[in-house]
C-alpha atoms as a PDB file:
ATOM      1  CA  UNK A   1       0.000   0.000   0.000  1.00  0.00           C
ATOM      2  CA  UNK A   2       1.395   3.377  -0.968  1.00  0.00           C
ATOM      3  CA  UNK A   3       2.335   5.788   1.832  1.00  0.00           C
ATOM      4  CA  UNK A   4      -0.397   8.360   1.056  1.00  0.00           C
ATOM      5  CA  UNK A   5      -3.034   5.609   1.178  1.00  0.00           C
ATOM      6  CA  UNK A   6      -1.766   4.456   4.577  1.00  0.00           C
ATOM      7  CA  UNK A   7      -1.979   8.027   5.883  1.00  0.00           C
ATOM      8  CA  UNK A   8      -5.530   8.380   4.498  1.00  0.00           C
ATOM      9  CA  UNK A   9      -6.509   5.043   6.040  1.00  0.00           C
ATOM     10  CA  UNK A  10      -5.118   6.007   9.451  1.00  0.00           C
ATOM     11  CA  UNK A  11      -6.884   9.378   9.313  1.00  0.00           C
ATOM     12  CA  UNK A  12     -10.202   7.797   8.263  1.00  0.00           C
ATOM     13  CA  UNK A  13      -9.897   5.080  10.916  1.00  0.00           C
ATOM     14  CA  UNK A  14      -9.145   7.641  13.647  1.00  0.00           C
ATOM     15  CA  UNK A  15     -12.104   9.843  12.698  1.00  0.00           C
ATOM     16  CA  UNK A  16     -14.518   6.899  12.415  1.00  0.00           C
ATOM     17  CA  UNK A  17     -13.429   5.584  15.832  1.00  0.00           C
ATOM     18  CA  UNK A  18     -14.054   9.071  17.274  1.00  0.00           C
ATOM     19  CA  UNK A  19     -17.575   9.214  15.812  1.00  0.00           C
ATOM     20  CA  UNK A  20     -18.438   5.874  17.409  1.00  0.00           C
ATOM     21  CA  UNK A  21     -16.561   6.661  20.634  1.00  0.00           C
ATOM     22  CA  UNK A  22     -14.376   3.546  20.552  1.00  0.00           C
ATOM     23  CA  UNK A  23     -10.637   2.972  20.780  1.00  0.00           C
ATOM     24  CA  UNK A  24     -10.092   0.043  18.404  1.00  0.00           C
ATOM     25  CA  UNK A  25     -11.409  -1.299  15.121  1.00  0.00           C
ATOM     26  CA  UNK A  26     -12.437  -4.472  16.945  1.00  0.00           C
ATOM     27  CA  UNK A  27     -14.737  -2.336  19.122  1.00  0.00           C
ATOM     28  CA  UNK A  28     -16.085  -0.601  16.010  1.00  0.00           C
ATOM     29  CA  UNK A  29     -17.956  -3.749  14.957  1.00  0.00           C
ATOM     30  CA  UNK A  30     -20.141  -3.671  18.090  1.00  0.00           C
ATOM     31  CA  UNK A  31     -20.463   0.120  17.939  1.00  0.00           C
ATOM     32  CA  UNK A  32     -21.808  -0.050  14.374  1.00  0.00           C
ATOM     33  CA  UNK A  33     -24.324  -2.695  15.436  1.00  0.00           C
ATOM     34  CA  UNK A  34     -25.457  -0.547  18.381  1.00  0.00           C
ATOM     35  CA  UNK A  35     -25.811   2.392  15.999  1.00  0.00           C
ATOM     36  CA  UNK A  36     -28.140   0.531  13.642  1.00  0.00           C
ATOM     37  CA  UNK A  37     -30.042  -1.215  16.452  1.00  0.00           C
ATOM     38  CA  UNK A  38     -30.632   2.132  18.185  1.00  0.00           C
ATOM     39  CA  UNK A  39     -31.286   3.971  14.903  1.00  0.00           C
ATOM     40  CA  UNK A  40     -28.642   6.490  15.993  1.00  0.00           C
ATOM     41  CA  UNK A  41     -29.104   9.109  13.289  1.00  0.00           C
ATOM     42  CA  UNK A  42     -26.621  11.467  14.986  1.00  0.00           C
ATOM     43  CA  UNK A  43     -23.779   9.022  14.335  1.00  0.00           C
ATOM     44  CA  UNK A  44     -25.028   8.431  10.794  1.00  0.00           C
ATOM     45  CA  UNK A  45     -25.093  12.170  10.184  1.00  0.00           C
ATOM     46  CA  UNK A  46     -21.578  12.567  11.664  1.00  0.00           C
ATOM     47  CA  UNK A  47     -20.314   9.834   9.360  1.00  0.00           C
ATOM     48  CA  UNK A  48     -21.984  11.432   6.346  1.00  0.00           C
ATOM     49  CA  UNK A  49     -20.360  14.756   7.255  1.00  0.00           C
ATOM     50  CA  UNK A  50     -16.976  13.025   7.619  1.00  0.00           C
ATOM     51  CA  UNK A  51     -17.176  11.815   4.006  1.00  0.00           C
ATOM     52  CA  UNK A  52     -18.478  15.219   2.844  1.00  0.00           C
ATOM     53  CA  UNK A  53     -21.826  13.713   1.892  1.00  0.00           C
ATOM     54  CA  UNK A  54     -20.208  11.371  -0.667  1.00  0.00           C
ATOM     55  CA  UNK A  55     -21.961   8.063  -0.003  1.00  0.00           C
ATOM     56  CA  UNK A  56     -21.184   6.716  -3.485  1.00  0.00           C
ATOM     57  CA  UNK A  57     -18.184   4.847  -2.069  1.00  0.00           C
ATOM     58  CA  UNK A  58     -17.901   2.168   0.631  1.00  0.00           C
ATOM     59  CA  UNK A  59     -15.683   4.157   2.987  1.00  0.00           C
ATOM     60  CA  UNK A  60     -15.793   1.521   5.726  1.00  0.00           C
ATOM     61  CA  UNK A  61     -14.697  -1.259   3.386  1.00  0.00           C
ATOM     62  CA  UNK A  62     -11.023  -0.307   3.490  1.00  0.00           C
ATOM     63  CA  UNK A  63     -11.041  -0.164   7.301  1.00  0.00           C
ATOM     64  CA  UNK A  64     -12.649  -3.603   7.494  1.00  0.00           C
ATOM     65  CA  UNK A  65     -10.414  -5.000   4.761  1.00  0.00           C
ATOM     66  CA  UNK A  66      -7.170  -3.753   6.285  1.00  0.00           C
ATOM     67  CA  UNK A  67      -7.865  -4.505   9.950  1.00  0.00           C
ATOM     68  CA  UNK A  68     -10.467  -7.291  10.203  1.00  0.00           C
ATOM     69  CA  UNK A  69     -10.794  -9.314   6.982  1.00  0.00           C
ATOM     70  CA  UNK A  70      -9.894 -12.988   7.296  1.00  0.00           C
ATOM     71  CA  UNK A  71      -8.094 -13.576   4.024  1.00  0.00           C
ATOM     72  CA  UNK A  72      -6.502 -16.853   5.099  1.00  0.00           C
ATOM     73  CA  UNK A  73      -9.446 -18.912   6.406  1.00  0.00           C
ATOM     74  CA  UNK A  74     -12.472 -17.191   4.853  1.00  0.00           C
ATOM     75  CA  UNK A  75     -10.720 -15.848   1.750  1.00  0.00           C
ATOM     76  CA  UNK A  76     -12.291 -12.431   2.374  1.00  0.00           C
ATOM     77  CA  UNK A  77     -11.259  -9.770  -0.064  1.00  0.00           C
ATOM     78  CA  UNK A  78     -12.849  -6.570  -1.278  1.00  0.00           C
ATOM     79  CA  UNK A  79     -14.647  -6.004  -4.566  1.00  0.00           C
ATOM     80  CA  UNK A  80     -12.938  -3.166  -6.452  1.00  0.00           C
ATOM     81  CA  UNK A  81     -15.300  -0.329  -7.374  1.00  0.00           C
ATOM     82  CA  UNK A  82     -14.664  -0.790 -11.112  1.00  0.00           C
ATOM     83  CA  UNK A  83     -15.654  -4.487 -10.916  1.00  0.00           C
ATOM     84  CA  UNK A  84     -18.729  -3.701  -8.807  1.00  0.00           C
ATOM     85  CA  UNK A  85     -19.823  -1.070 -11.341  1.00  0.00           C
ATOM     86  CA  UNK A  86     -19.266  -3.469 -14.252  1.00  0.00           C
ATOM     87  CA  UNK A  87     -21.211  -6.301 -12.590  1.00  0.00           C
ATOM     88  CA  UNK A  88     -24.110  -3.964 -11.902  1.00  0.00           C
ATOM     89  CA  UNK A  89     -24.258  -2.993 -15.560  1.00  0.00           C
ATOM     90  CA  UNK A  90     -24.522  -6.692 -16.453  1.00  0.00           C
ATOM     91  CA  UNK A  91     -27.437  -7.306 -14.067  1.00  0.00           C
ATOM     92  CA  UNK A  92     -29.925  -5.259 -16.034  1.00  0.00           C
ATOM     93  CA  UNK A  93     -33.297  -4.280 -14.608  1.00  0.00           C
ATOM     94  CA  UNK A  94     -34.897  -6.150 -11.716  1.00  0.00           C
ATOM     95  CA  UNK A  95     -37.233  -5.303  -8.834  1.00  0.00           C
ATOM     96  CA  UNK A  96     -34.881  -6.843  -6.288  1.00  0.00           C
ATOM     97  CA  UNK A  97     -31.151  -7.477  -6.630  1.00  0.00           C
ATOM     98  CA  UNK A  98     -29.680 -10.507  -4.833  1.00  0.00           C
ATOM     99  CA  UNK A  99     -26.075 -10.602  -3.600  1.00  0.00           C
ATOM    100  CA  UNK A 100     -25.053 -13.975  -2.172  1.00  0.00           C
ATOM    101  CA  UNK A 101     -21.786 -12.704  -0.614  1.00  0.00           C
ATOM    102  CA  UNK A 102     -22.602  -9.120   0.334  1.00  0.00           C
ATOM    103  CA  UNK A 103     -19.636  -8.351   2.592  1.00  0.00           C
ATOM    104  CA  UNK A 104     -19.780  -4.701   3.626  1.00  0.00           C
ATOM    105  CA  UNK A 105     -21.950  -3.845   0.622  1.00  0.00           C
ATOM    106  CA  UNK A 106     -19.634  -2.731  -2.212  1.00  0.00           C
ATOM    107  CA  UNK A 107     -21.779  -4.236  -4.985  1.00  0.00           C
ATOM    108  CA  UNK A 108     -24.965  -2.959  -3.352  1.00  0.00           C
ATOM    109  CA  UNK A 109     -23.592   0.571  -3.052  1.00  0.00           C
ATOM    110  CA  UNK A 110     -22.602   0.628  -6.728  1.00  0.00           C
ATOM    111  CA  UNK A 111     -26.074  -0.563  -7.745  1.00  0.00           C
ATOM    112  CA  UNK A 112     -27.617   2.054  -5.452  1.00  0.00           C
ATOM    113  CA  UNK A 113     -25.482   4.678  -7.225  1.00  0.00           C
ATOM    114  CA  UNK A 114     -27.317   3.676 -10.423  1.00  0.00           C
ATOM    115  CA  UNK A 115     -30.804   3.415  -8.891  1.00  0.00           C
ATOM    116  CA  UNK A 116     -31.513   4.747  -5.403  1.00  0.00           C
ATOM    117  CA  UNK A 117     -34.964   3.133  -5.389  1.00  0.00           C
ATOM    118  CA  UNK A 118     -33.538  -0.366  -5.903  1.00  0.00           C
ATOM    119  CA  UNK A 119     -34.344  -3.060  -3.312  1.00  0.00           C
ATOM    120  CA  UNK A 120     -31.914  -5.756  -2.234  1.00  0.00           C
ATOM    121  CA  UNK A 121     -31.785  -9.250  -0.766  1.00  0.00           C
ATOM    122  CA  UNK A 122     -28.319  -9.699   0.716  1.00  0.00           C
ATOM    123  CA  UNK A 123     -26.646 -12.763   2.172  1.00  0.00           C
ATOM    124  CA  UNK A 124     -23.506 -12.786   4.309  1.00  0.00           C
ATOM    125  CA  UNK A 125     -22.064 -15.631   6.377  1.00  0.00           C
ATOM    126  CA  UNK A 126     -19.568 -13.647   8.500  1.00  0.00           C
ATOM    127  CA  UNK A 127     -21.130 -12.014  11.564  1.00  0.00           C
ATOM    128  CA  UNK A 128     -18.166  -9.621  11.880  1.00  0.00           C
ATOM    129  CA  UNK A 129     -18.956  -7.802   8.629  1.00  0.00           C
ATOM    130  CA  UNK A 130     -22.758  -7.697   9.116  1.00  0.00           C
ATOM    131  CA  UNK A 131     -22.654  -4.457  11.213  1.00  0.00           C
ATOM    132  CA  UNK A 132     -20.647  -2.758   8.448  1.00  0.00           C
ATOM    133  CA  UNK A 133     -23.202  -3.887   5.877  1.00  0.00           C
ATOM    134  CA  UNK A 134     -26.206  -2.812   7.963  1.00  0.00           C
ATOM    135  CA  UNK A 135     -24.648   0.578   8.696  1.00  0.00           C
ATOM    136  CA  UNK A 136     -23.831   1.096   5.002  1.00  0.00           C
ATOM    137  CA  UNK A 137     -27.445   0.348   4.120  1.00  0.00           C
ATOM    138  CA  UNK A 138     -28.928   2.543   6.859  1.00  0.00           C
ATOM    139  CA  UNK A 139     -26.713   5.577   6.223  1.00  0.00           C
ATOM    140  CA  UNK A 140     -27.646   5.428   2.520  1.00  0.00           C
ATOM    141  CA  UNK A 141     -31.351   4.778   3.202  1.00  0.00           C
ATOM    142  CA  UNK A 142     -31.264   1.571   1.140  1.00  0.00           C
ATOM    143  CA  UNK A 143     -34.232  -0.814   1.316  1.00  0.00           C
ATOM    144  CA  UNK A 144     -33.006  -4.379   1.914  1.00  0.00           C
ATOM    145  CA  UNK A 145     -33.328  -7.689   3.662  1.00  0.00           C
ATOM    146  CA  UNK A 146     -30.038  -9.020   5.038  1.00  0.00           C
ATOM    147  CA  UNK A 147     -29.684 -12.678   5.896  1.00  0.00           C
ATOM    148  CA  UNK A 148     -26.771 -13.973   7.930  1.00  0.00           C
ATOM    149  CA  UNK A 149     -26.051 -17.584   7.184  1.00  0.00           C
ATOM    150  CA  UNK A 150     -24.692 -20.115   4.742  1.00  0.00           C
ATOM    151  CA  UNK A 151     -26.359 -19.497   1.400  1.00  0.00           C
ATOM    152  CA  UNK A 152     -24.943 -22.749  -0.041  1.00  0.00           C
ATOM    153  CA  UNK A 153     -26.612 -24.772   2.726  1.00  0.00           C
ATOM    154  CA  UNK A 154     -29.780 -22.613   2.724  1.00  0.00           C
ATOM    155  CA  UNK A 155     -29.234 -21.860   6.420  1.00  0.00           C
ATOM    156  CA  UNK A 156     -30.212 -18.528   7.933  1.00  0.00           C
ATOM    157  CA  UNK A 157     -29.030 -17.690  11.447  1.00  0.00           C
ATOM    158  CA  UNK A 158     -30.423 -14.143  11.679  1.00  0.00           C
ATOM    159  CA  UNK A 159     -31.975 -11.613   9.394  1.00  0.00           C
ATOM    160  CA  UNK A 160     -32.685  -7.921   9.319  1.00  0.00           C
ATOM    161  CA  UNK A 161     -34.895  -5.606   7.335  1.00  0.00           C
ATOM    162  CA  UNK A 162     -33.760  -2.111   6.398  1.00  0.00           C
ATOM    163  CA  UNK A 163     -36.676   0.164   5.616  1.00  0.00           C
ATOM    164  CA  UNK A 164     -36.307   3.574   4.046  1.00  0.00           C
ATOM    165  CA  UNK A 165     -36.797   6.416   6.462  1.00  0.00           C
ATOM    166  CA  UNK A 166     -36.825  10.186   6.086  1.00  0.00           C
ATOM    167  CA  UNK A 167     -33.061  10.542   5.671  1.00  0.00           C
ATOM    168  CA  UNK A 168     -31.608   7.276   6.974  1.00  0.00           C
ATOM    169  CA  UNK A 169     -32.839   3.715   6.871  1.00  0.00           C
ATOM    170  CA  UNK A 170     -34.356   2.004   9.882  1.00  0.00           C
ATOM    171  CA  UNK A 171     -32.926  -1.443  10.751  1.00  0.00           C
ATOM    172  CA  UNK A 172     -34.930  -4.110  12.548  1.00  0.00           C
ATOM    173  CA  UNK A 173     -34.175  -7.728  13.324  1.00  0.00           C
ATOM    174  CA  UNK A 174     -36.729 -10.173  11.903  1.00  0.00           C
ATOM    175  CA  UNK A 175     -37.319 -13.846  12.584  1.00  0.00           C
ATOM    176  CA  UNK A 176     -35.575 -16.101  10.081  1.00  0.00           C
ATOM    177  CA  UNK A 177     -37.881 -17.965   7.741  1.00  0.00           C
ATOM    178  CA  UNK A 178     -37.625 -21.718   7.891  1.00  0.00           C
END
């Protein structure tokens, strides 16, 4: 990673930790989940101000990728913006877009950049990245259902619904369907 990117990452990480009043990136995971569970629009607004209102990019992805991603065991890696944009062009028109490995939401955010009324059904197996995904959806006011579980085994552990609100989405936990 080039030096200027490391400096930008450290600055972004420091400011995000300040917004969520935590000391470490490991604590950020729980803080993001509290934020979406409590519908803490003040923190969402502070984050939006931090990125100068530019929600077209997954700003939290690089923090997660650099500090928390499990590349060895889970083979977690980020989806580059150019690939996410290209894949979304291939999808065409649909009422609901399905992403079977949603991660922090890079593909979803790029689709949302094309159509802010789009709805999503998102699957993610890793509970560590779910708070990042839910926060990304809520701060962008994206309508979605998020299912945590193994999509290949058709197993759902937990699921959430993100409903559009006035400015930010409202996240609620829903019972998994059997």
